[in-house]
PDB file of all heavy atoms in Angstrom:
ATOM      1  N   GLU A   1      15.097  -4.798  -2.401  1.00  0.00           N
ATOM      2  CA  GLU A   1      15.672  -5.629  -3.457  1.00  0.00           C
ATOM      3  C   GLU A   1      17.105  -6.065  -3.158  1.00  0.00           C
ATOM      4  O   GLU A   1      17.550  -7.119  -3.598  1.00  0.00           O
ATOM      5  CB  GLU A   1      15.649  -4.866  -4.792  1.00  0.00           C
ATOM      6  CG  GLU A   1      14.254  -4.561  -5.320  1.00  0.00           C
ATOM      7  CD  GLU A   1      13.548  -5.785  -5.875  1.00  0.00           C
ATOM      8  OE1 GLU A   1      14.190  -6.848  -5.975  1.00  0.00           O
ATOM      9  OE2 GLU A   1      12.348  -5.679  -6.192  1.00  0.00           O
ATOM     10  N   SER A   2      17.843  -5.269  -2.423  1.00  0.00           N
ATOM     11  CA  SER A   2      19.267  -5.559  -2.209  1.00  0.00           C
ATOM     12  C   SER A   2      19.464  -6.830  -1.381  1.00  0.00           C
ATOM     13  O   SER A   2      18.609  -7.210  -0.591  1.00  0.00           O
ATOM     14  CB  SER A   2      19.938  -4.376  -1.512  1.00  0.00           C
ATOM     15  OG  SER A   2      19.257  -4.049  -0.316  1.00  0.00           O
ATOM     16  N   GLU A   3      20.626  -7.477  -1.600  1.00  0.00           N
ATOM     17  CA  GLU A   3      20.953  -8.718  -0.896  1.00  0.00           C
ATOM     18  C   GLU A   3      22.054  -8.451   0.127  1.00  0.00           C
ATOM     19  O   GLU A   3      23.229  -8.441  -0.194  1.00  0.00           O
ATOM     20  CB  GLU A   3      21.405  -9.793  -1.891  1.00  0.00           C
ATOM     21  CG  GLU A   3      20.266 -10.492  -2.616  1.00  0.00           C
ATOM     22  CD  GLU A   3      19.477 -11.426  -1.706  1.00  0.00           C
ATOM     23  OE1 GLU A   3      20.047 -11.921  -0.717  1.00  0.00           O
ATOM     24  OE2 GLU A   3      18.284 -11.646  -1.978  1.00  0.00           O
ATOM     25  N   ASN A   4      21.664  -8.193   1.370  1.00  0.00           N
ATOM     26  CA  ASN A   4      22.627  -8.074   2.455  1.00  0.00           C
ATOM     27  C   ASN A   4      21.920  -8.439   3.757  1.00  0.00           C
ATOM     28  O   ASN A   4      20.708  -8.671   3.773  1.00  0.00           O
ATOM     29  CB  ASN A   4      23.235  -6.662   2.525  1.00  0.00           C
ATOM     30  CG  ASN A   4      22.173  -5.586   2.674  1.00  0.00           C
ATOM     31  OD1 ASN A   4      21.395  -5.600   3.621  1.00  0.00           O
ATOM     32  ND2 ASN A   4      22.134  -4.651   1.724  1.00  0.00           N
ATOM     33  N   THR A   5      22.671  -8.494   4.834  1.00  0.00           N
ATOM     34  CA  THR A   5      22.104  -8.970   6.098  1.00  0.00           C
ATOM     35  C   THR A   5      20.917  -8.127   6.555  1.00  0.00           C
ATOM     36  O   THR A   5      19.878  -8.660   6.963  1.00  0.00           O
ATOM     37  CB  THR A   5      23.189  -8.968   7.200  1.00  0.00           C
ATOM     38  OG1 THR A   5      24.236  -9.846   6.806  1.00  0.00           O
ATOM     39  CG2 THR A   5      22.608  -9.453   8.526  1.00  0.00           C
ATOM     40  N   ILE A   6      21.046  -6.806   6.460  1.00  0.00           N
ATOM     41  CA  ILE A   6      19.964  -5.936   6.907  1.00  0.00           C
ATOM     42  C   ILE A   6      18.723  -6.116   6.035  1.00  0.00           C
ATOM     43  O   ILE A   6      17.607  -6.269   6.538  1.00  0.00           O
ATOM     44  CB  ILE A   6      20.410  -4.458   6.916  1.00  0.00           C
ATOM     45  CG1 ILE A   6      21.484  -4.248   7.981  1.00  0.00           C
ATOM     46  CG2 ILE A   6      19.225  -3.531   7.160  1.00  0.00           C
ATOM     47  CD1 ILE A   6      22.064  -2.857   8.000  1.00  0.00           C
ATOM     48  N   SER A   7      18.912  -6.123   4.710  1.00  0.00           N
ATOM     49  CA  SER A   7      17.771  -6.275   3.805  1.00  0.00           C
ATOM     50  C   SER A   7      17.096  -7.630   3.992  1.00  0.00           C
ATOM     51  O   SER A   7      15.859  -7.730   4.030  1.00  0.00           O
ATOM     52  CB  SER A   7      18.222  -6.126   2.348  1.00  0.00           C
ATOM     53  OG  SER A   7      18.653  -4.800   2.110  1.00  0.00           O
ATOM     54  N   ASN A   8      17.897  -8.697   4.120  1.00  0.00           N
ATOM     55  CA  ASN A   8      17.328 -10.030   4.308  1.00  0.00           C
ATOM     56  C   ASN A   8      16.565 -10.131   5.626  1.00  0.00           C
ATOM     57  O   ASN A   8      15.492 -10.748   5.701  1.00  0.00           O
ATOM     58  CB  ASN A   8      18.430 -11.092   4.248  1.00  0.00           C
ATOM     59  CG  ASN A   8      18.925 -11.329   2.832  1.00  0.00           C
ATOM     60  OD1 ASN A   8      18.242 -11.007   1.864  1.00  0.00           O
ATOM     61  ND2 ASN A   8      20.109 -11.899   2.710  1.00  0.00           N
ATOM     62  N   THR A   9      17.124  -9.514   6.669  1.00  0.00           N
ATOM     63  CA  THR A   9      16.441  -9.494   7.967  1.00  0.00           C
ATOM     64  C   THR A   9      15.097  -8.789   7.848  1.00  0.00           C
ATOM     65  O   THR A   9      14.062  -9.288   8.308  1.00  0.00           O
ATOM     66  CB  THR A   9      17.310  -8.788   9.022  1.00  0.00           C
ATOM     67  OG1 THR A   9      18.502  -9.544   9.224  1.00  0.00           O
ATOM     68  CG2 THR A   9      16.571  -8.666  10.354  1.00  0.00           C
ATOM     69  N   ASN A  10      15.103  -7.624   7.207  1.00  0.00           N
ATOM     70  CA  ASN A  10      13.858  -6.879   7.028  1.00  0.00           C
ATOM     71  C   ASN A  10      12.856  -7.664   6.193  1.00  0.00           C
ATOM     72  O   ASN A  10      11.662  -7.722   6.507  1.00  0.00           O
ATOM     73  CB  ASN A  10      14.145  -5.527   6.367  1.00  0.00           C
ATOM     74  CG  ASN A  10      14.741  -4.528   7.337  1.00  0.00           C
ATOM     75  OD1 ASN A  10      14.542  -4.629   8.539  1.00  0.00           O
ATOM     76  ND2 ASN A  10      15.488  -3.573   6.821  1.00  0.00           N
ATOM     77  N   ASN A  11      13.330  -8.278   5.097  1.00  0.00           N
ATOM     78  CA  ASN A  11      12.420  -8.993   4.217  1.00  0.00           C
ATOM     79  C   ASN A  11      11.803 -10.208   4.908  1.00  0.00           C
ATOM     80  O   ASN A  11      10.637 -10.541   4.675  1.00  0.00           O
ATOM     81  CB  ASN A  11      13.144  -9.427   2.940  1.00  0.00           C
ATOM     82  CG  ASN A  11      13.410  -8.257   2.010  1.00  0.00           C
ATOM     83  OD1 ASN A  11      12.791  -7.208   2.135  1.00  0.00           O
ATOM     84  ND2 ASN A  11      14.343  -8.423   1.077  1.00  0.00           N
ATOM     85  N   LYS A  12      12.582 -10.876   5.762  1.00  0.00           N
ATOM     86  CA  LYS A  12      12.026 -12.015   6.493  1.00  0.00           C
ATOM     87  C   LYS A  12      10.930 -11.551   7.438  1.00  0.00           C
ATOM     88  O   LYS A  12       9.854 -12.165   7.521  1.00  0.00           O
ATOM     89  CB  LYS A  12      13.126 -12.736   7.272  1.00  0.00           C
ATOM     90  CG  LYS A  12      12.643 -14.043   7.919  1.00  0.00           C
ATOM     91  CD  LYS A  12      13.813 -14.926   8.286  1.00  0.00           C
ATOM     92  CE  LYS A  12      13.350 -16.288   8.731  1.00  0.00           C
ATOM     93  NZ  LYS A  12      14.474 -17.249   8.857  1.00  0.00           N
ATOM     94  N   GLN A  13      11.172 -10.451   8.170  1.00  0.00           N
ATOM     95  CA  GLN A  13      10.154  -9.855   9.034  1.00  0.00           C
ATOM     96  C   GLN A  13       8.928  -9.455   8.216  1.00  0.00           C
ATOM     97  O   GLN A  13       7.785  -9.642   8.637  1.00  0.00           O
ATOM     98  CB  GLN A  13      10.728  -8.624   9.737  1.00  0.00           C
ATOM     99  CG  GLN A  13      11.881  -8.895  10.672  1.00  0.00           C
ATOM    100  CD  GLN A  13      11.428  -9.398  12.030  1.00  0.00           C
ATOM    101  OE1 GLN A  13      10.249  -9.630  12.247  1.00  0.00           O
ATOM    102  NE2 GLN A  13      12.364  -9.582  12.935  1.00  0.00           N
ATOM    103  N   LEU A  14       9.183  -8.892   7.055  1.00  0.00           N
ATOM    104  CA  LEU A  14       8.111  -8.439   6.174  1.00  0.00           C
ATOM    105  C   LEU A  14       7.220  -9.601   5.746  1.00  0.00           C
ATOM    106  O   LEU A  14       5.991  -9.536   5.863  1.00  0.00           O
ATOM    107  CB  LEU A  14       8.717  -7.755   4.944  1.00  0.00           C
ATOM    108  CG  LEU A  14       7.862  -7.678   3.678  1.00  0.00           C
ATOM    109  CD1 LEU A  14       6.655  -6.796   3.904  1.00  0.00           C
ATOM    110  CD2 LEU A  14       8.696  -7.151   2.517  1.00  0.00           C
ATOM    111  N   TYR A  15       7.828 -10.682   5.234  1.00  0.00           N
ATOM    112  CA  TYR A  15       7.033 -11.824   4.778  1.00  0.00           C
ATOM    113  C   TYR A  15       6.253 -12.450   5.925  1.00  0.00           C
ATOM    114  O   TYR A  15       5.098 -12.859   5.764  1.00  0.00           O
ATOM    115  CB  TYR A  15       7.932 -12.867   4.124  1.00  0.00           C
ATOM    116  CG  TYR A  15       8.435 -12.481   2.742  1.00  0.00           C
ATOM    117  CD1 TYR A  15       9.782 -12.561   2.428  1.00  0.00           C
ATOM    118  CD2 TYR A  15       7.545 -12.043   1.757  1.00  0.00           C
ATOM    119  CE1 TYR A  15      10.248 -12.214   1.165  1.00  0.00           C
ATOM    120  CE2 TYR A  15       8.002 -11.691   0.493  1.00  0.00           C
ATOM    121  CZ  TYR A  15       9.348 -11.776   0.203  1.00  0.00           C
ATOM    122  OH  TYR A  15       9.800 -11.427  -1.047  1.00  0.00           O
ATOM    123  N   TYR A  16       6.902 -12.524   7.088  1.00  0.00           N
ATOM    124  CA  TYR A  16       6.229 -13.074   8.265  1.00  0.00           C
ATOM    125  C   TYR A  16       5.035 -12.214   8.666  1.00  0.00           C
ATOM    126  O   TYR A  16       3.923 -12.706   8.884  1.00  0.00           O
ATOM    127  CB  TYR A  16       7.232 -13.183   9.413  1.00  0.00           C
ATOM    128  CG  TYR A  16       6.650 -13.581  10.741  1.00  0.00           C
ATOM    129  CD1 TYR A  16       5.807 -14.673  10.865  1.00  0.00           C
ATOM    130  CD2 TYR A  16       6.957 -12.851  11.900  1.00  0.00           C
ATOM    131  CE1 TYR A  16       5.287 -15.042  12.098  1.00  0.00           C
ATOM    132  CE2 TYR A  16       6.445 -13.217  13.137  1.00  0.00           C
ATOM    133  CZ  TYR A  16       5.611 -14.313  13.232  1.00  0.00           C
ATOM    134  OH  TYR A  16       5.099 -14.670  14.447  1.00  0.00           O
ATOM    135  N   GLY A  17       5.258 -10.907   8.748  1.00  0.00           N
ATOM    136  CA  GLY A  17       4.169 -10.003   9.114  1.00  0.00           C
ATOM    137  C   GLY A  17       3.036 -10.037   8.107  1.00  0.00           C
ATOM    138  O   GLY A  17       1.859 -10.062   8.467  1.00  0.00           O
ATOM    139  N   ASP A  18       3.390 -10.058   6.815  1.00  0.00           N
ATOM    140  CA  ASP A  18       2.369 -10.101   5.773  1.00  0.00           C
ATOM    141  C   ASP A  18       1.597 -11.415   5.828  1.00  0.00           C
ATOM    142  O   ASP A  18       0.385 -11.435   5.588  1.00  0.00           O
ATOM    143  CB  ASP A  18       3.027  -9.938   4.402  1.00  0.00           C
ATOM    144  CG  ASP A  18       2.020  -9.593   3.315  1.00  0.00           C
ATOM    145  OD1 ASP A  18       1.331  -8.557   3.459  1.00  0.00           O
ATOM    146  OD2 ASP A  18       1.906 -10.354   2.336  1.00  0.00           O
ATOM    147  N   ALA A  19       2.287 -12.498   6.179  1.00  0.00           N
ATOM    148  CA  ALA A  19       1.615 -13.794   6.312  1.00  0.00           C
ATOM    149  C   ALA A  19       0.581 -13.762   7.437  1.00  0.00           C
ATOM    150  O   ALA A  19      -0.522 -14.310   7.305  1.00  0.00           O
ATOM    151  CB  ALA A  19       2.634 -14.901   6.570  1.00  0.00           C
ATOM    152  N   ILE A  20       0.929 -13.103   8.555  1.00  0.00           N
ATOM    153  CA  ILE A  20      -0.027 -12.955   9.651  1.00  0.00           C
ATOM    154  C   ILE A  20      -1.263 -12.195   9.164  1.00  0.00           C
ATOM    155  O   ILE A  20      -2.399 -12.573   9.447  1.00  0.00           O
ATOM    156  CB  ILE A  20       0.619 -12.215  10.840  1.00  0.00           C
ATOM    157  CG1 ILE A  20       1.741 -13.050  11.451  1.00  0.00           C
ATOM    158  CG2 ILE A  20      -0.434 -11.892  11.908  1.00  0.00           C
ATOM    159  CD1 ILE A  20       2.558 -12.304  12.488  1.00  0.00           C
ATOM    160  N   SER A  21      -1.023 -11.112   8.424  1.00  0.00           N
ATOM    161  CA  SER A  21      -2.136 -10.309   7.899  1.00  0.00           C
ATOM    162  C   SER A  21      -3.019 -11.144   6.982  1.00  0.00           C
ATOM    163  O   SER A  21      -4.262 -11.120   7.081  1.00  0.00           O
ATOM    164  CB  SER A  21      -1.601  -9.104   7.122  1.00  0.00           C
ATOM    165  OG  SER A  21      -0.714  -8.340   7.891  1.00  0.00           O
ATOM    166  N   LYS A  22      -2.400 -11.899   6.073  1.00  0.00           N
ATOM    167  CA  LYS A  22      -3.167 -12.704   5.116  1.00  0.00           C
ATOM    168  C   LYS A  22      -3.944 -13.801   5.837  1.00  0.00           C
ATOM    169  O   LYS A  22      -5.085 -14.115   5.478  1.00  0.00           O
ATOM    170  CB  LYS A  22      -2.221 -13.316   4.074  1.00  0.00           C
ATOM    171  CG  LYS A  22      -1.490 -12.274   3.213  1.00  0.00           C
ATOM    172  CD  LYS A  22      -2.460 -11.440   2.406  1.00  0.00           C
ATOM    173  CE  LYS A  22      -1.779 -10.302   1.633  1.00  0.00           C
ATOM    174  NZ  LYS A  22      -0.677 -10.731   0.764  1.00  0.00           N
ATOM    175  N   TYR A  23      -3.339 -14.383   6.870  1.00  0.00           N
ATOM    176  CA  TYR A  23      -4.048 -15.380   7.672  1.00  0.00           C
ATOM    177  C   TYR A  23      -5.255 -14.736   8.358  1.00  0.00           C
ATOM    178  O   TYR A  23      -6.354 -15.288   8.370  1.00  0.00           O
ATOM    179  CB  TYR A  23      -3.103 -15.990   8.709  1.00  0.00           C
ATOM    180  CG  TYR A  23      -3.718 -17.103   9.526  1.00  0.00           C
ATOM    181  CD1 TYR A  23      -3.658 -18.424   9.097  1.00  0.00           C
ATOM    182  CD2 TYR A  23      -4.352 -16.832  10.736  1.00  0.00           C
ATOM    183  CE1 TYR A  23      -4.226 -19.445   9.847  1.00  0.00           C
ATOM    184  CE2 TYR A  23      -4.921 -17.843  11.493  1.00  0.00           C
ATOM    185  CZ  TYR A  23      -4.850 -19.145  11.052  1.00  0.00           C
ATOM    186  OH  TYR A  23      -5.422 -20.152  11.798  1.00  0.00           O
ATOM    187  N   GLY A  24      -5.046 -13.542   8.913  1.00  0.00           N
ATOM    188  CA  GLY A  24      -6.143 -12.839   9.568  1.00  0.00           C
ATOM    189  C   GLY A  24      -7.270 -12.483   8.616  1.00  0.00           C
ATOM    190  O   GLY A  24      -8.429 -12.401   9.006  1.00  0.00           O
ATOM    191  N   LEU A  25      -6.926 -12.286   7.339  1.00  0.00           N
ATOM    192  CA  LEU A  25      -7.925 -11.957   6.310  1.00  0.00           C
ATOM    193  C   LEU A  25      -8.483 -13.206   5.633  1.00  0.00           C
ATOM    194  O   LEU A  25      -9.226 -13.101   4.658  1.00  0.00           O
ATOM    195  CB  LEU A  25      -7.293 -11.039   5.254  1.00  0.00           C
ATOM    196  CG  LEU A  25      -6.915  -9.629   5.731  1.00  0.00           C
ATOM    197  CD1 LEU A  25      -6.015  -8.945   4.707  1.00  0.00           C
ATOM    198  CD2 LEU A  25      -8.170  -8.800   5.985  1.00  0.00           C
ATOM    199  N   ALA A  26      -8.114 -14.380   6.148  1.00  0.00           N
ATOM    200  CA  ALA A  26      -8.551 -15.666   5.596  1.00  0.00           C
ATOM    201  C   ALA A  26      -8.032 -15.905   4.177  1.00  0.00           C
ATOM    202  O   ALA A  26      -8.618 -16.674   3.422  1.00  0.00           O
ATOM    203  CB  ALA A  26     -10.077 -15.794   5.641  1.00  0.00           C
ATOM    204  N   LYS A  27      -6.924 -15.263   3.828  1.00  0.00           N
ATOM    205  CA  LYS A  27      -6.277 -15.499   2.529  1.00  0.00           C
ATOM    206  C   LYS A  27      -5.148 -16.507   2.757  1.00  0.00           C
ATOM    207  O   LYS A  27      -3.961 -16.179   2.720  1.00  0.00           O
ATOM    208  CB  LYS A  27      -5.760 -14.187   1.943  1.00  0.00           C
ATOM    209  CG  LYS A  27      -6.870 -13.184   1.634  1.00  0.00           C
ATOM    210  CD  LYS A  27      -6.304 -11.882   1.069  1.00  0.00           C
ATOM    211  CE  LYS A  27      -7.432 -10.896   0.741  1.00  0.00           C
ATOM    212  NZ  LYS A  27      -6.906  -9.614   0.176  1.00  0.00           N
ATOM    213  N   TYR A  28      -5.561 -17.742   2.997  1.00  0.00           N
ATOM    214  CA  TYR A  28      -4.630 -18.743   3.512  1.00  0.00           C
ATOM    215  C   TYR A  28      -3.573 -19.161   2.490  1.00  0.00           C
ATOM    216  O   TYR A  28      -2.420 -19.403   2.855  1.00  0.00           O
ATOM    217  CB  TYR A  28      -5.401 -19.957   4.015  1.00  0.00           C
ATOM    218  CG  TYR A  28      -6.403 -19.607   5.093  1.00  0.00           C
ATOM    219  CD1 TYR A  28      -7.772 -19.801   4.905  1.00  0.00           C
ATOM    220  CD2 TYR A  28      -5.976 -19.042   6.295  1.00  0.00           C
ATOM    221  CE1 TYR A  28      -8.687 -19.462   5.886  1.00  0.00           C
ATOM    222  CE2 TYR A  28      -6.893 -18.693   7.283  1.00  0.00           C
ATOM    223  CZ  TYR A  28      -8.243 -18.916   7.072  1.00  0.00           C
ATOM    224  OH  TYR A  28      -9.152 -18.563   8.040  1.00  0.00           O
ATOM    225  N   ASP A  29      -3.935 -19.239   1.224  1.00  0.00           N
ATOM    226  CA  ASP A  29      -2.946 -19.609   0.203  1.00  0.00           C
ATOM    227  C   ASP A  29      -1.834 -18.566   0.122  1.00  0.00           C
ATOM    228  O   ASP A  29      -0.655 -18.902  -0.043  1.00  0.00           O
ATOM    229  CB  ASP A  29      -3.621 -19.781  -1.161  1.00  0.00           C
ATOM    230  CG  ASP A  29      -4.492 -21.030  -1.220  1.00  0.00           C
ATOM    231  OD1 ASP A  29      -4.181 -21.990  -0.498  1.00  0.00           O
ATOM    232  OD2 ASP A  29      -5.469 -21.038  -1.986  1.00  0.00           O
ATOM    233  N   GLU A  30      -2.214 -17.298   0.237  1.00  0.00           N
ATOM    234  CA  GLU A  30      -1.210 -16.225   0.218  1.00  0.00           C
ATOM    235  C   GLU A  30      -0.350 -16.262   1.478  1.00  0.00           C
ATOM    236  O   GLU A  30       0.856 -15.990   1.434  1.00  0.00           O
ATOM    237  CB  GLU A  30      -1.900 -14.867   0.078  1.00  0.00           C
ATOM    238  CG  GLU A  30      -2.589 -14.670  -1.276  1.00  0.00           C
ATOM    239  CD  GLU A  30      -3.244 -13.314  -1.394  1.00  0.00           C
ATOM    240  OE1 GLU A  30      -2.634 -12.321  -0.947  1.00  0.00           O
ATOM    241  OE2 GLU A  30      -4.370 -13.233  -1.929  1.00  0.00           O
ATOM    242  N   ALA A  31      -0.970 -16.615   2.604  1.00  0.00           N
ATOM    243  CA  ALA A  31      -0.203 -16.752   3.845  1.00  0.00           C
ATOM    244  C   ALA A  31       0.833 -17.862   3.711  1.00  0.00           C
ATOM    245  O   ALA A  31       1.980 -17.720   4.161  1.00  0.00           O
ATOM    246  CB  ALA A  31      -1.136 -17.049   5.021  1.00  0.00           C
ATOM    247  N   ILE A  32       0.448 -18.960   3.079  1.00  0.00           N
ATOM    248  CA  ILE A  32       1.373 -20.085   2.867  1.00  0.00           C
ATOM    249  C   ILE A  32       2.564 -19.648   2.031  1.00  0.00           C
ATOM    250  O   ILE A  32       3.721 -19.948   2.354  1.00  0.00           O
ATOM    251  CB  ILE A  32       0.627 -21.264   2.201  1.00  0.00           C
ATOM    252  CG1 ILE A  32      -0.348 -21.898   3.201  1.00  0.00           C
ATOM    253  CG2 ILE A  32       1.617 -22.311   1.672  1.00  0.00           C
ATOM    254  CD1 ILE A  32      -1.336 -22.872   2.576  1.00  0.00           C
ATOM    255  N   GLU A  33       2.299 -18.912   0.954  1.00  0.00           N
ATOM    256  CA  GLU A  33       3.390 -18.445   0.091  1.00  0.00           C
ATOM    257  C   GLU A  33       4.331 -17.510   0.847  1.00  0.00           C
ATOM    258  O   GLU A  33       5.556 -17.591   0.706  1.00  0.00           O
ATOM    259  CB  GLU A  33       2.816 -17.748  -1.146  1.00  0.00           C
ATOM    260  CG  GLU A  33       2.161 -18.693  -2.135  1.00  0.00           C
ATOM    261  CD  GLU A  33       3.088 -19.814  -2.574  1.00  0.00           C
ATOM    262  OE1 GLU A  33       4.230 -19.513  -3.001  1.00  0.00           O
ATOM    263  OE2 GLU A  33       2.697 -20.992  -2.458  1.00  0.00           O
TER     264      GLU A  33
END
């Protein structure tokens, strides 16, 4: 939840990784978000 360089870096990696997972699961709308 915190707003700093480390948290933002982690969250960007997180959203990217989760998007890959959702794409792999054919949950394309969630991957887009």
